[in-house]
Amino acid sequence: MQCKSLRESGKDLKKFDVAYFGASCDPLAKNKQFAEKLELDYPLLSDTDRKVAAAYGIQRGTRSKRVAIFVDADGKIAHIETKVNLRAHGKQMVEQLEKLNVAKKPADASEK
C-alpha cells in the first residue's frame, strides 16, 4: 500500500526539487521483483545488512520501522515522519514537503 501510494502521488512529488526512494531490508532480488510487480517509478533500495536502518535508529529485529526521513539539501535530517499513513503516504509526503518549504522545480522540469 505504501509503495503504491508513492507511485500514485509521483506526479505531485516530482514537482519538488527532491530525490525520493523506498528502502527495505529485503534482498535485492525480492525488491526488484516487488518494484516491477507494482510498476514503481522510483528506486527501491535494499539494506540487507540493516546498517542504514541501524544508523537511523529504525531497525526492528530483522526489519525496520516504517518511517519517512526527509533530508535537506545540506544533508541534515529535516523531519522524520513516524506515523506513516500507508494508504496515503504519497499525499502525506507532499504535505510535509510543503511544510518544509522545499523548492519546486520549474514547471516544465516536473513533467519528466
C-alpha atoms as a PDB file:
ATOM      1  CA  MET A   1       0.000   0.000   0.000  1.00  0.00           C
ATOM      2  CA  GLN A   2       2.733   2.441   0.951  1.00  0.00           C
ATOM      3  CA  CYS A   3       4.675   1.932  -2.279  1.00  0.00           C
ATOM      4  CA  LYS A   4       1.522   2.190  -4.387  1.00  0.00           C
ATOM      5  CA  SER A   5       0.623   5.445  -2.667  1.00  0.00           C
ATOM      6  CA  LEU A   6       4.019   6.909  -3.528  1.00  0.00           C
ATOM      7  CA  ARG A   7       3.651   5.775  -7.135  1.00  0.00           C
ATOM      8  CA  GLU A   8       0.165   7.277  -7.354  1.00  0.00           C
ATOM      9  CA  SER A   9       1.455  10.595  -5.949  1.00  0.00           C
ATOM     10  CA  GLY A  10       4.516  10.593  -8.205  1.00  0.00           C
ATOM     11  CA  LYS A  11       3.333  13.481 -10.355  1.00  0.00           C
ATOM     12  CA  ASP A  12       2.938  15.713  -7.286  1.00  0.00           C
ATOM     13  CA  LEU A  13       6.163  14.522  -5.644  1.00  0.00           C
ATOM     14  CA  LYS A  14       8.130  15.176  -8.826  1.00  0.00           C
ATOM     15  CA  LYS A  15       7.096  18.831  -8.716  1.00  0.00           C
ATOM     16  CA  PHE A  16       9.558  19.272  -5.852  1.00  0.00           C
ATOM     17  CA  ASP A  17      13.312  19.570  -6.265  1.00  0.00           C
ATOM     18  CA  VAL A  18      13.944  16.316  -4.387  1.00  0.00           C
ATOM     19  CA  ALA A  19      15.048  12.755  -4.896  1.00  0.00           C
ATOM     20  CA  TYR A  20      12.908  10.128  -3.220  1.00  0.00           C
ATOM     21  CA  PHE A  21      13.130   6.381  -2.916  1.00  0.00           C
ATOM     22  CA  GLY A  22      11.992   3.473  -0.823  1.00  0.00           C
ATOM     23  CA  ALA A  23      14.265   1.271   1.241  1.00  0.00           C
ATOM     24  CA  SER A  24      13.771  -2.219   2.583  1.00  0.00           C
ATOM     25  CA  CYS A  25      15.775  -4.815   4.492  1.00  0.00           C
ATOM     26  CA  ASP A  26      14.688  -7.415   1.918  1.00  0.00           C
ATOM     27  CA  PRO A  27      17.204  -8.867  -0.566  1.00  0.00           C
ATOM     28  CA  LEU A  28      17.820  -7.009  -3.815  1.00  0.00           C
ATOM     29  CA  ALA A  29      16.164  -9.691  -5.981  1.00  0.00           C
ATOM     30  CA  LYS A  30      12.994  -9.583  -3.880  1.00  0.00           C
ATOM     31  CA  ASN A  31      12.870  -5.773  -4.006  1.00  0.00           C
ATOM     32  CA  LYS A  32      13.455  -5.787  -7.762  1.00  0.00           C
ATOM     33  CA  GLN A  33      10.605  -8.238  -8.293  1.00  0.00           C
ATOM     34  CA  PHE A  34       8.349  -6.246  -5.947  1.00  0.00           C
ATOM     35  CA  ALA A  35       9.160  -2.943  -7.692  1.00  0.00           C
ATOM     36  CA  GLU A  36       8.471  -4.443 -11.129  1.00  0.00           C
ATOM     37  CA  LYS A  37       5.206  -6.012  -9.980  1.00  0.00           C
ATOM     38  CA  LEU A  38       3.956  -2.685  -8.605  1.00  0.00           C
ATOM     39  CA  GLU A  39       5.389  -0.732 -11.557  1.00  0.00           C
ATOM     40  CA  LEU A  40       7.155   1.677  -9.220  1.00  0.00           C
ATOM     41  CA  ASP A  41       8.510   4.828 -10.834  1.00  0.00           C
ATOM     42  CA  TYR A  42      11.134   5.427  -8.154  1.00  0.00           C
ATOM     43  CA  PRO A  43      14.062   3.379  -6.807  1.00  0.00           C
ATOM     44  CA  LEU A  44      13.587   0.744  -4.115  1.00  0.00           C
ATOM     45  CA  LEU A  45      16.861   0.195  -2.261  1.00  0.00           C
ATOM     46  CA  SER A  46      17.972  -2.890  -0.333  1.00  0.00           C
ATOM     47  CA  ASP A  47      19.529  -2.548   3.118  1.00  0.00           C
ATOM     48  CA  THR A  48      20.138  -6.262   3.602  1.00  0.00           C
ATOM     49  CA  ASP A  49      22.757  -5.838   6.319  1.00  0.00           C
ATOM     50  CA  ARG A  50      20.459  -3.321   8.050  1.00  0.00           C
ATOM     51  CA  LYS A  51      23.338  -0.887   8.608  1.00  0.00           C
ATOM     52  CA  VAL A  52      21.384   2.086   7.268  1.00  0.00           C
ATOM     53  CA  ALA A  53      18.317   1.206   9.359  1.00  0.00           C
ATOM     54  CA  ALA A  54      20.544   0.897  12.436  1.00  0.00           C
ATOM     55  CA  ALA A  55      22.278   4.207  11.688  1.00  0.00           C
ATOM     56  CA  TYR A  56      18.908   5.989  11.556  1.00  0.00           C
ATOM     57  CA  GLY A  57      17.693   4.182  14.674  1.00  0.00           C
ATOM     58  CA  ILE A  58      14.803   2.479  12.895  1.00  0.00           C
ATOM     59  CA  GLN A  59      15.936  -1.138  12.940  1.00  0.00           C
ATOM     60  CA  ARG A  60      13.437  -3.519  14.492  1.00  0.00           C
ATOM     61  CA  GLY A  61      14.906  -7.014  14.580  1.00  0.00           C
ATOM     62  CA  THR A  62      15.438  -8.167  11.004  1.00  0.00           C
ATOM     63  CA  ARG A  63      13.105  -5.473   9.669  1.00  0.00           C
ATOM     64  CA  SER A  64      12.869  -1.709  10.012  1.00  0.00           C
ATOM     65  CA  LYS A  65      10.161   0.631  11.238  1.00  0.00           C
ATOM     66  CA  ARG A  66       8.044   2.320   8.596  1.00  0.00           C
ATOM     67  CA  VAL A  67       9.170   5.916   8.572  1.00  0.00           C
ATOM     68  CA  ALA A  68       9.838   8.697   6.097  1.00  0.00           C
ATOM     69  CA  ILE A  69      13.092  10.551   6.570  1.00  0.00           C
ATOM     70  CA  PHE A  70      13.360  13.982   4.970  1.00  0.00           C
ATOM     71  CA  VAL A  71      16.961  15.073   4.424  1.00  0.00           C
ATOM     72  CA  ASP A  72      17.584  18.675   3.414  1.00  0.00           C
ATOM     73  CA  ALA A  73      19.966  19.971   0.742  1.00  0.00           C
ATOM     74  CA  ASP A  74      22.744  20.249   3.346  1.00  0.00           C
ATOM     75  CA  GLY A  75      22.407  16.559   4.253  1.00  0.00           C
ATOM     76  CA  LYS A  76      20.746  17.244   7.603  1.00  0.00           C
ATOM     77  CA  ILE A  77      17.599  15.480   8.759  1.00  0.00           C
ATOM     78  CA  ALA A  78      14.782  17.997   8.425  1.00  0.00           C
ATOM     79  CA  HIS A  79      11.963  15.713   9.593  1.00  0.00           C
ATOM     80  CA  ILE A  80      11.242  12.092  10.449  1.00  0.00           C
ATOM     81  CA  GLU A  81       7.663  11.000   9.906  1.00  0.00           C
ATOM     82  CA  THR A  82       6.972   8.179  12.336  1.00  0.00           C
ATOM     83  CA  LYS A  83       3.209   7.994  11.792  1.00  0.00           C
ATOM     84  CA  VAL A  84       3.163   6.785   8.213  1.00  0.00           C
ATOM     85  CA  ASN A  85      -0.293   6.512   6.672  1.00  0.00           C
ATOM     86  CA  LEU A  86       0.208   3.505   4.400  1.00  0.00           C
ATOM     87  CA  ARG A  87      -2.760   4.257   2.139  1.00  0.00           C
ATOM     88  CA  ALA A  88      -1.988   7.974   1.769  1.00  0.00           C
ATOM     89  CA  HIS A  89       1.767   8.108   2.243  1.00  0.00           C
ATOM     90  CA  GLY A  90       2.361   9.897  -1.061  1.00  0.00           C
ATOM     91  CA  LYS A  91      -0.023  12.706  -0.132  1.00  0.00           C
ATOM     92  CA  GLN A  92       1.471  12.785   3.356  1.00  0.00           C
ATOM     93  CA  MET A  93       4.937  13.296   1.847  1.00  0.00           C
ATOM     94  CA  VAL A  94       3.704  16.075  -0.452  1.00  0.00           C
ATOM     95  CA  GLU A  95       2.152  17.850   2.533  1.00  0.00           C
ATOM     96  CA  GLN A  96       5.382  17.550   4.530  1.00  0.00           C
ATOM     97  CA  LEU A  97       7.492  18.845   1.644  1.00  0.00           C
ATOM     98  CA  GLU A  98       5.198  21.865   1.506  1.00  0.00           C
ATOM     99  CA  LYS A  99       5.510  22.388   5.292  1.00  0.00           C
ATOM    100  CA  LEU A 100       9.296  22.224   4.967  1.00  0.00           C
ATOM    101  CA  ASN A 101       9.135  24.854   2.190  1.00  0.00           C
ATOM    102  CA  VAL A 102      11.027  22.599  -0.197  1.00  0.00           C
ATOM    103  CA  ALA A 103      11.645  24.313  -3.520  1.00  0.00           C
ATOM    104  CA  LYS A 104       9.682  23.208  -6.530  1.00  0.00           C
ATOM    105  CA  LYS A 105      11.205  22.501  -9.914  1.00  0.00           C
ATOM    106  CA  PRO A 106      10.431  24.805 -12.819  1.00  0.00           C
ATOM    107  CA  ALA A 107       7.043  23.822 -14.275  1.00  0.00           C
ATOM    108  CA  ASP A 108       8.426  22.084 -17.372  1.00  0.00           C
ATOM    109  CA  ALA A 109      11.028  20.057 -15.402  1.00  0.00           C
ATOM    110  CA  SER A 110       8.426  18.384 -13.130  1.00  0.00           C
ATOM    111  CA  GLU A 111       6.625  16.838 -16.087  1.00  0.00           C
ATOM    112  CA  LYS A 112       9.536  14.475 -16.845  1.00  0.00           C
END
